[in-house]
Amino acid sequence: MEVYKDLNGDSNVEAYETGNNFISVKFKGSRKTYTYSYQKAGKYHVEQMKVLAIKGDGLNGYINSNVKFLYD
């Protein structure tokens, strides 16, 4: 997994990993990794999350607003 940059220092996201049709996210203080796939969260949301993960800003807020419980 890659360490999430967290440019503003205000995110609960610790690390992420991307694949062709998914993104996995690890949150601070949790041992569990949450995987969001095209099948559950949808292609649009997964691709948006990948962009935010690479950017290092906005991923936690996006997850909470759009796909919070749509993990595999």
N, C-alpha and C. Protein backbone atom coordinates (compact mmCIF):
# COMPACT_ATOMS: atom_id res chain seq x y z
N MET A 1 0.85 -1.19 0.00
CA MET A 1 0.00 0.00 0.00
C MET A 1 0.88 1.24 0.00
N GLU A 2 0.36 2.28 -0.59
CA GLU A 2 1.07 3.56 -0.62
C GLU A 2 0.54 4.45 0.50
N VAL A 3 1.44 5.17 1.12
CA VAL A 3 1.05 6.11 2.18
C VAL A 3 0.30 7.28 1.54
N TYR A 4 -0.84 7.60 2.13
CA TYR A 4 -1.64 8.73 1.66
C TYR A 4 -0.97 10.03 2.08
N LYS A 5 -0.78 10.95 1.16
CA LYS A 5 -0.04 12.19 1.43
C LYS A 5 -0.72 13.09 2.46
N ASP A 6 -2.03 13.17 2.44
CA ASP A 6 -2.80 14.01 3.35
C ASP A 6 -2.23 15.44 3.39
N LEU A 7 -2.33 16.13 2.30
CA LEU A 7 -1.73 17.46 2.14
C LEU A 7 -2.16 18.46 3.20
N ASN A 8 -3.40 18.36 3.67
CA ASN A 8 -3.90 19.31 4.68
C ASN A 8 -3.71 18.80 6.10
N GLY A 9 -3.29 17.57 6.26
CA GLY A 9 -3.09 17.01 7.59
C GLY A 9 -4.36 16.77 8.37
N ASP A 10 -5.49 16.60 7.66
CA ASP A 10 -6.77 16.46 8.35
C ASP A 10 -7.54 15.20 7.98
N SER A 11 -6.88 14.24 7.34
CA SER A 11 -7.57 13.06 6.85
C SER A 11 -7.45 11.88 7.79
N ASN A 12 -8.45 11.02 7.73
CA ASN A 12 -8.44 9.77 8.48
C ASN A 12 -7.85 8.64 7.63
N VAL A 13 -7.53 8.91 6.36
CA VAL A 13 -6.95 7.91 5.48
C VAL A 13 -5.45 7.80 5.76
N GLU A 14 -4.98 6.58 5.91
CA GLU A 14 -3.57 6.34 6.17
C GLU A 14 -2.83 5.86 4.93
N ALA A 15 -3.46 4.94 4.17
CA ALA A 15 -2.80 4.36 3.00
C ALA A 15 -3.85 3.88 2.01
N TYR A 16 -3.40 3.62 0.79
CA TYR A 16 -4.30 3.14 -0.26
C TYR A 16 -3.55 2.28 -1.25
N GLU A 17 -4.31 1.52 -2.01
CA GLU A 17 -3.77 0.70 -3.08
C GLU A 17 -4.80 0.69 -4.20
N THR A 18 -4.35 0.85 -5.43
CA THR A 18 -5.27 0.85 -6.55
C THR A 18 -5.01 -0.34 -7.47
N GLY A 19 -6.06 -0.75 -8.15
CA GLY A 19 -5.99 -1.78 -9.17
C GLY A 19 -6.84 -1.34 -10.34
N ASN A 20 -6.99 -2.18 -11.32
CA ASN A 20 -7.75 -1.81 -12.51
C ASN A 20 -9.19 -1.42 -12.19
N ASN A 21 -9.83 -2.15 -11.30
CA ASN A 21 -11.25 -1.89 -11.03
C ASN A 21 -11.57 -1.75 -9.54
N PHE A 22 -10.58 -1.31 -8.77
CA PHE A 22 -10.82 -1.14 -7.33
C PHE A 22 -9.83 -0.15 -6.73
N ILE A 23 -10.16 0.28 -5.52
CA ILE A 23 -9.22 0.99 -4.66
C ILE A 23 -9.43 0.45 -3.25
N SER A 24 -8.34 0.14 -2.57
CA SER A 24 -8.40 -0.30 -1.18
C SER A 24 -7.86 0.83 -0.32
N VAL A 25 -8.52 1.05 0.80
CA VAL A 25 -8.18 2.16 1.68
C VAL A 25 -8.02 1.66 3.11
N LYS A 26 -6.96 2.09 3.77
CA LYS A 26 -6.74 1.80 5.18
C LYS A 26 -6.87 3.11 5.95
N PHE A 27 -7.69 3.09 6.98
CA PHE A 27 -7.92 4.27 7.79
C PHE A 27 -7.04 4.23 9.04
N LYS A 28 -6.69 5.38 9.54
CA LYS A 28 -5.88 5.48 10.75
C LYS A 28 -6.61 4.81 11.91
N GLY A 29 -5.87 4.07 12.72
CA GLY A 29 -6.45 3.43 13.88
C GLY A 29 -7.23 2.16 13.59
N SER A 30 -7.23 1.70 12.36
CA SER A 30 -7.96 0.50 11.99
C SER A 30 -7.01 -0.51 11.35
N ARG A 31 -7.21 -1.76 11.69
CA ARG A 31 -6.42 -2.82 11.06
C ARG A 31 -7.05 -3.26 9.75
N LYS A 32 -8.33 -2.98 9.61
CA LYS A 32 -9.08 -3.42 8.44
C LYS A 32 -8.79 -2.55 7.23
N THR A 33 -8.78 -3.18 6.07
CA THR A 33 -8.65 -2.47 4.80
C THR A 33 -10.00 -2.56 4.09
N TYR A 34 -10.46 -1.44 3.58
CA TYR A 34 -11.74 -1.38 2.89
C TYR A 34 -11.51 -1.29 1.39
N THR A 35 -12.09 -2.22 0.65
CA THR A 35 -11.94 -2.24 -0.80
C THR A 35 -13.23 -1.78 -1.46
N TYR A 36 -13.10 -0.78 -2.30
CA TYR A 36 -14.23 -0.24 -3.07
C TYR A 36 -14.02 -0.65 -4.52
N SER A 37 -14.97 -1.40 -5.07
CA SER A 37 -14.83 -1.94 -6.42
C SER A 37 -15.87 -1.34 -7.36
N TYR A 38 -15.60 -1.55 -8.64
CA TYR A 38 -16.59 -1.14 -9.65
C TYR A 38 -17.94 -1.78 -9.36
N GLN A 39 -17.92 -3.04 -8.93
CA GLN A 39 -19.15 -3.79 -8.72
C GLN A 39 -20.02 -3.20 -7.63
N LYS A 40 -19.41 -2.80 -6.50
CA LYS A 40 -20.19 -2.28 -5.37
C LYS A 40 -20.32 -0.76 -5.38
N ALA A 41 -19.21 -0.06 -5.55
CA ALA A 41 -19.22 1.40 -5.46
C ALA A 41 -19.46 2.07 -6.82
N GLY A 42 -19.20 1.35 -7.89
CA GLY A 42 -19.39 1.90 -9.23
C GLY A 42 -18.10 2.47 -9.80
N LYS A 43 -17.98 2.34 -11.10
CA LYS A 43 -16.78 2.78 -11.80
C LYS A 43 -16.49 4.26 -11.57
N TYR A 44 -17.51 5.10 -11.68
CA TYR A 44 -17.31 6.54 -11.53
C TYR A 44 -16.68 6.87 -10.18
N HIS A 45 -17.26 6.34 -9.11
CA HIS A 45 -16.75 6.66 -7.77
C HIS A 45 -15.34 6.11 -7.55
N VAL A 46 -15.09 4.89 -8.00
CA VAL A 46 -13.76 4.31 -7.83
C VAL A 46 -12.72 5.16 -8.55
N GLU A 47 -13.02 5.58 -9.75
CA GLU A 47 -12.06 6.39 -10.52
C GLU A 47 -11.85 7.76 -9.86
N GLN A 48 -12.89 8.35 -9.32
CA GLN A 48 -12.76 9.62 -8.61
C GLN A 48 -11.88 9.45 -7.36
N MET A 49 -12.07 8.35 -6.67
CA MET A 49 -11.29 8.07 -5.47
C MET A 49 -9.81 7.86 -5.81
N LYS A 50 -9.54 7.23 -6.93
CA LYS A 50 -8.15 7.04 -7.36
C LYS A 50 -7.47 8.38 -7.60
N VAL A 51 -8.17 9.29 -8.24
CA VAL A 51 -7.62 10.63 -8.51
C VAL A 51 -7.30 11.34 -7.19
N LEU A 52 -8.23 11.30 -6.25
CA LEU A 52 -8.04 11.96 -4.96
C LEU A 52 -6.92 11.30 -4.16
N ALA A 53 -6.81 9.99 -4.25
CA ALA A 53 -5.75 9.27 -3.53
C ALA A 53 -4.38 9.70 -4.04
N ILE A 54 -4.23 9.76 -5.33
CA ILE A 54 -2.95 10.17 -5.92
C ILE A 54 -2.65 11.62 -5.59
N LYS A 55 -3.69 12.45 -5.62
CA LYS A 55 -3.54 13.87 -5.29
C LYS A 55 -3.14 14.06 -3.82
N GLY A 56 -3.63 13.17 -2.96
CA GLY A 56 -3.33 13.27 -1.53
C GLY A 56 -4.22 14.22 -0.78
N ASP A 57 -5.41 14.47 -1.31
CA ASP A 57 -6.33 15.40 -0.65
C ASP A 57 -7.76 15.09 -1.05
N GLY A 58 -8.66 15.06 -0.06
CA GLY A 58 -10.09 14.94 -0.32
C GLY A 58 -10.67 13.53 -0.32
N LEU A 59 -9.84 12.52 -0.17
CA LEU A 59 -10.34 11.15 -0.26
C LEU A 59 -11.28 10.79 0.89
N ASN A 60 -10.91 11.11 2.11
CA ASN A 60 -11.76 10.78 3.25
C ASN A 60 -13.14 11.43 3.13
N GLY A 61 -13.18 12.69 2.78
CA GLY A 61 -14.45 13.39 2.62
C GLY A 61 -15.30 12.80 1.50
N TYR A 62 -14.65 12.42 0.42
CA TYR A 62 -15.37 11.82 -0.71
C TYR A 62 -15.99 10.49 -0.29
N ILE A 63 -15.22 9.69 0.41
CA ILE A 63 -15.74 8.40 0.88
C ILE A 63 -16.95 8.61 1.78
N ASN A 64 -16.83 9.51 2.76
CA ASN A 64 -17.94 9.76 3.69
C ASN A 64 -19.18 10.29 2.99
N SER A 65 -19.02 11.08 1.96
CA SER A 65 -20.16 11.68 1.26
C SER A 65 -20.79 10.79 0.20
N ASN A 66 -20.01 9.87 -0.37
CA ASN A 66 -20.50 9.15 -1.55
C ASN A 66 -20.54 7.63 -1.47
N VAL A 67 -19.59 7.02 -0.80
CA VAL A 67 -19.49 5.56 -0.86
C VAL A 67 -19.25 4.89 0.49
N LYS A 68 -19.53 5.56 1.56
CA LYS A 68 -19.15 5.11 2.91
C LYS A 68 -19.37 3.62 3.17
N PHE A 69 -20.52 3.10 2.82
CA PHE A 69 -20.85 1.70 3.11
C PHE A 69 -20.86 0.82 1.87
N LEU A 70 -20.32 1.30 0.77
CA LEU A 70 -20.32 0.54 -0.48
C LEU A 70 -19.03 -0.24 -0.70
N TYR A 71 -18.37 -0.62 0.37
CA TYR A 71 -17.15 -1.41 0.24
C TYR A 71 -17.53 -2.89 0.10
N ASP A 72 -16.59 -3.65 -0.43
CA ASP A 72 -16.83 -5.09 -0.67
C ASP A 72 -16.84 -5.86 0.64
